[in-house]
C-alpha atoms as a PDB file:
ATOM      1  CA  MET A   1     114.835 145.776  30.383  1.00  0.00           C
ATOM      2  CA  GLU A   2     117.805 143.268  30.095  1.00  0.00           C
ATOM      3  CA  ILE A   3     120.669 143.321  32.603  1.00  0.00           C
ATOM      4  CA  THR A   4     123.899 141.365  32.184  1.00  0.00           C
ATOM      5  CA  LYS A   5     126.393 141.380  35.072  1.00  0.00           C
ATOM      6  CA  ASN A   6     130.053 140.495  34.631  1.00  0.00           C
ATOM      7  CA  ILE A   7     131.836 140.056  38.035  1.00  0.00           C
ATOM      8  CA  ASP A   8     135.602 139.605  38.469  1.00  0.00           C
ATOM      9  CA  GLY A   9     136.530 139.586  42.034  1.00  0.00           C
ATOM     10  CA  ASP A  10     135.369 142.951  43.374  1.00  0.00           C
ATOM     11  CA  LYS A  11     134.796 144.463  40.089  1.00  0.00           C
ATOM     12  CA  MET A  12     131.410 144.314  38.325  1.00  0.00           C
ATOM     13  CA  THR A  13     130.383 145.616  34.987  1.00  0.00           C
ATOM     14  CA  MET A  14     126.736 145.740  34.417  1.00  0.00           C
ATOM     15  CA  ILE A  15     125.197 146.082  30.988  1.00  0.00           C
ATOM     16  CA  VAL A  16     121.591 147.473  30.985  1.00  0.00           C
ATOM     17  CA  VAL A  17     119.379 147.430  27.808  1.00  0.00           C
ATOM     18  CA  GLY A  18     115.920 148.916  27.622  1.00  0.00           C
ATOM     19  CA  ARG A  19     113.916 151.443  29.598  1.00  0.00           C
ATOM     20  CA  VAL A  20     114.535 152.030  33.193  1.00  0.00           C
ATOM     21  CA  ASP A  21     111.363 153.514  34.569  1.00  0.00           C
ATOM     22  CA  THR A  22     108.874 152.866  37.429  1.00  0.00           C
ATOM     23  CA  THR A  23     108.017 149.385  36.019  1.00  0.00           C
ATOM     24  CA  THR A  24     111.486 148.068  35.567  1.00  0.00           C
ATOM     25  CA  SER A  25     113.435 149.976  38.518  1.00  0.00           C
ATOM     26  CA  PRO A  26     112.632 147.323  41.072  1.00  0.00           C
ATOM     27  CA  GLU A  27     114.623 144.798  38.944  1.00  0.00           C
ATOM     28  CA  PHE A  28     117.398 147.453  38.296  1.00  0.00           C
ATOM     29  CA  ALA A  29     117.630 148.040  42.111  1.00  0.00           C
ATOM     30  CA  ALA A  30     117.719 144.366  42.904  1.00  0.00           C
ATOM     31  CA  ALA A  31     120.420 143.881  40.293  1.00  0.00           C
ATOM     32  CA  LEU A  32     122.356 146.811  42.115  1.00  0.00           C
ATOM     33  CA  LYS A  33     123.058 144.741  45.310  1.00  0.00           C
ATOM     34  CA  LEU A  34     126.762 145.317  45.507  1.00  0.00           C
ATOM     35  CA  ASP A  35     127.940 143.206  48.445  1.00  0.00           C
ATOM     36  CA  GLY A  36     131.692 142.727  48.024  1.00  0.00           C
ATOM     37  CA  ILE A  37     131.829 145.034  44.960  1.00  0.00           C
ATOM     38  CA  LYS A  38     134.415 147.828  45.153  1.00  0.00           C
ATOM     39  CA  ASP A  39     134.382 148.866  41.458  1.00  0.00           C
ATOM     40  CA  LEU A  40     131.159 149.217  39.570  1.00  0.00           C
ATOM     41  CA  THR A  41     130.838 150.129  35.861  1.00  0.00           C
ATOM     42  CA  LEU A  42     127.309 150.623  34.474  1.00  0.00           C
ATOM     43  CA  ASP A  43     127.171 150.418  30.762  1.00  0.00           C
ATOM     44  CA  LEU A  44     123.949 152.347  29.766  1.00  0.00           C
ATOM     45  CA  SER A  45     124.594 152.176  25.949  1.00  0.00           C
ATOM     46  CA  GLY A  46     121.402 150.256  25.558  1.00  0.00           C
ATOM     47  CA  VAL A  47     119.294 152.521  27.742  1.00  0.00           C
ATOM     48  CA  ALA A  48     116.971 154.807  25.676  1.00  0.00           C
ATOM     49  CA  TYR A  49     114.932 156.115  28.533  1.00  0.00           C
ATOM     50  CA  MET A  50     115.463 156.735  32.308  1.00  0.00           C
ATOM     51  CA  SER A  51     112.959 158.087  34.706  1.00  0.00           C
ATOM     52  CA  SER A  52     113.282 159.381  38.208  1.00  0.00           C
ATOM     53  CA  ALA A  53     112.819 155.862  39.614  1.00  0.00           C
ATOM     54  CA  GLY A  54     115.933 154.894  37.640  1.00  0.00           C
ATOM     55  CA  LEU A  55     117.856 158.082  38.908  1.00  0.00           C
ATOM     56  CA  ARG A  56     116.874 156.913  42.457  1.00  0.00           C
ATOM     57  CA  CYS A  57     118.475 153.499  41.622  1.00  0.00           C
ATOM     58  CA  LEU A  58     121.788 155.217  40.562  1.00  0.00           C
ATOM     59  CA  LEU A  59     121.740 157.414  43.604  1.00  0.00           C
ATOM     60  CA  MET A  60     121.422 154.349  45.934  1.00  0.00           C
ATOM     61  CA  ALA A  61     124.248 152.556  44.228  1.00  0.00           C
ATOM     62  CA  GLN A  62     126.384 155.550  44.569  1.00  0.00           C
ATOM     63  CA  LYS A  63     125.582 155.986  48.257  1.00  0.00           C
ATOM     64  CA  THR A  64     126.361 152.202  48.807  1.00  0.00           C
ATOM     65  CA  MET A  65     129.689 152.487  46.862  1.00  0.00           C
ATOM     66  CA  ASN A  66     130.537 155.651  48.771  1.00  0.00           C
ATOM     67  CA  ALA A  67     130.130 154.006  52.029  1.00  0.00           C
ATOM     68  CA  SER A  68     132.207 151.083  51.287  1.00  0.00           C
ATOM     69  CA  GLY A  69     134.885 153.049  49.498  1.00  0.00           C
ATOM     70  CA  GLY A  70     134.019 152.057  46.164  1.00  0.00           C
ATOM     71  CA  THR A  71     133.764 153.599  42.790  1.00  0.00           C
ATOM     72  CA  VAL A  72     130.952 153.932  40.176  1.00  0.00           C
ATOM     73  CA  ARG A  73     131.588 154.715  36.466  1.00  0.00           C
ATOM     74  CA  ILE A  74     128.719 155.119  34.029  1.00  0.00           C
ATOM     75  CA  CYS A  75     129.644 154.584  30.299  1.00  0.00           C
ATOM     76  CA  GLY A  76     127.897 154.507  26.999  1.00  0.00           C
ATOM     77  CA  VAL A  77     125.267 157.126  28.014  1.00  0.00           C
ATOM     78  CA  GLN A  78     122.920 157.816  25.166  1.00  0.00           C
ATOM     79  CA  PRO A  79     122.274 161.620  24.373  1.00  0.00           C
ATOM     80  CA  VAL A  80     118.573 161.666  25.838  1.00  0.00           C
ATOM     81  CA  VAL A  81     119.685 159.833  29.040  1.00  0.00           C
ATOM     82  CA  LYS A  82     122.644 162.257  29.338  1.00  0.00           C
ATOM     83  CA  GLU A  83     120.455 165.123  29.048  1.00  0.00           C
ATOM     84  CA  VAL A  84     118.291 163.904  31.998  1.00  0.00           C
ATOM     85  CA  LEU A  85     121.630 163.239  33.995  1.00  0.00           C
ATOM     86  CA  ASP A  86     122.663 166.801  33.130  1.00  0.00           C
ATOM     87  CA  ILE A  87     119.388 168.501  34.033  1.00  0.00           C
ATOM     88  CA  THR A  88     119.085 166.629  37.300  1.00  0.00           C
ATOM     89  CA  GLY A  89     122.764 167.384  38.449  1.00  0.00           C
ATOM     90  CA  PHE A  90     123.627 163.638  38.260  1.00  0.00           C
ATOM     91  CA  SER A  91     126.476 164.417  35.902  1.00  0.00           C
ATOM     92  CA  ALA A  92     128.343 166.144  38.709  1.00  0.00           C
ATOM     93  CA  ILE A  93     127.676 163.182  41.031  1.00  0.00           C
ATOM     94  CA  PHE A  94     128.858 160.350  38.796  1.00  0.00           C
ATOM     95  CA  ASN A  95     132.030 159.768  36.853  1.00  0.00           C
ATOM     96  CA  ILE A  96     130.513 159.498  33.279  1.00  0.00           C
ATOM     97  CA  VAL A  97     133.046 158.274  30.750  1.00  0.00           C
END
């Protein structure tokens, strides 16, 4: 998995490429340290697979942003990952564009 962060003030865009699973989720969780971030965009266009461990990371990021009054957007979701988000109800939790 590769993660690229672009930070501009309190806005961060994170581009994730690869599989987000049990093996890579600790790296994903570490990258989602959101101190000082109020606007997070997650570009998942390069993610072909996301396990429950990856979903847990997304949920923790959402909770962190909610607590600080921030927002999370997810963009570029591939159909297989979108299906996982839909089945688990995460599509109702996140702003997916």
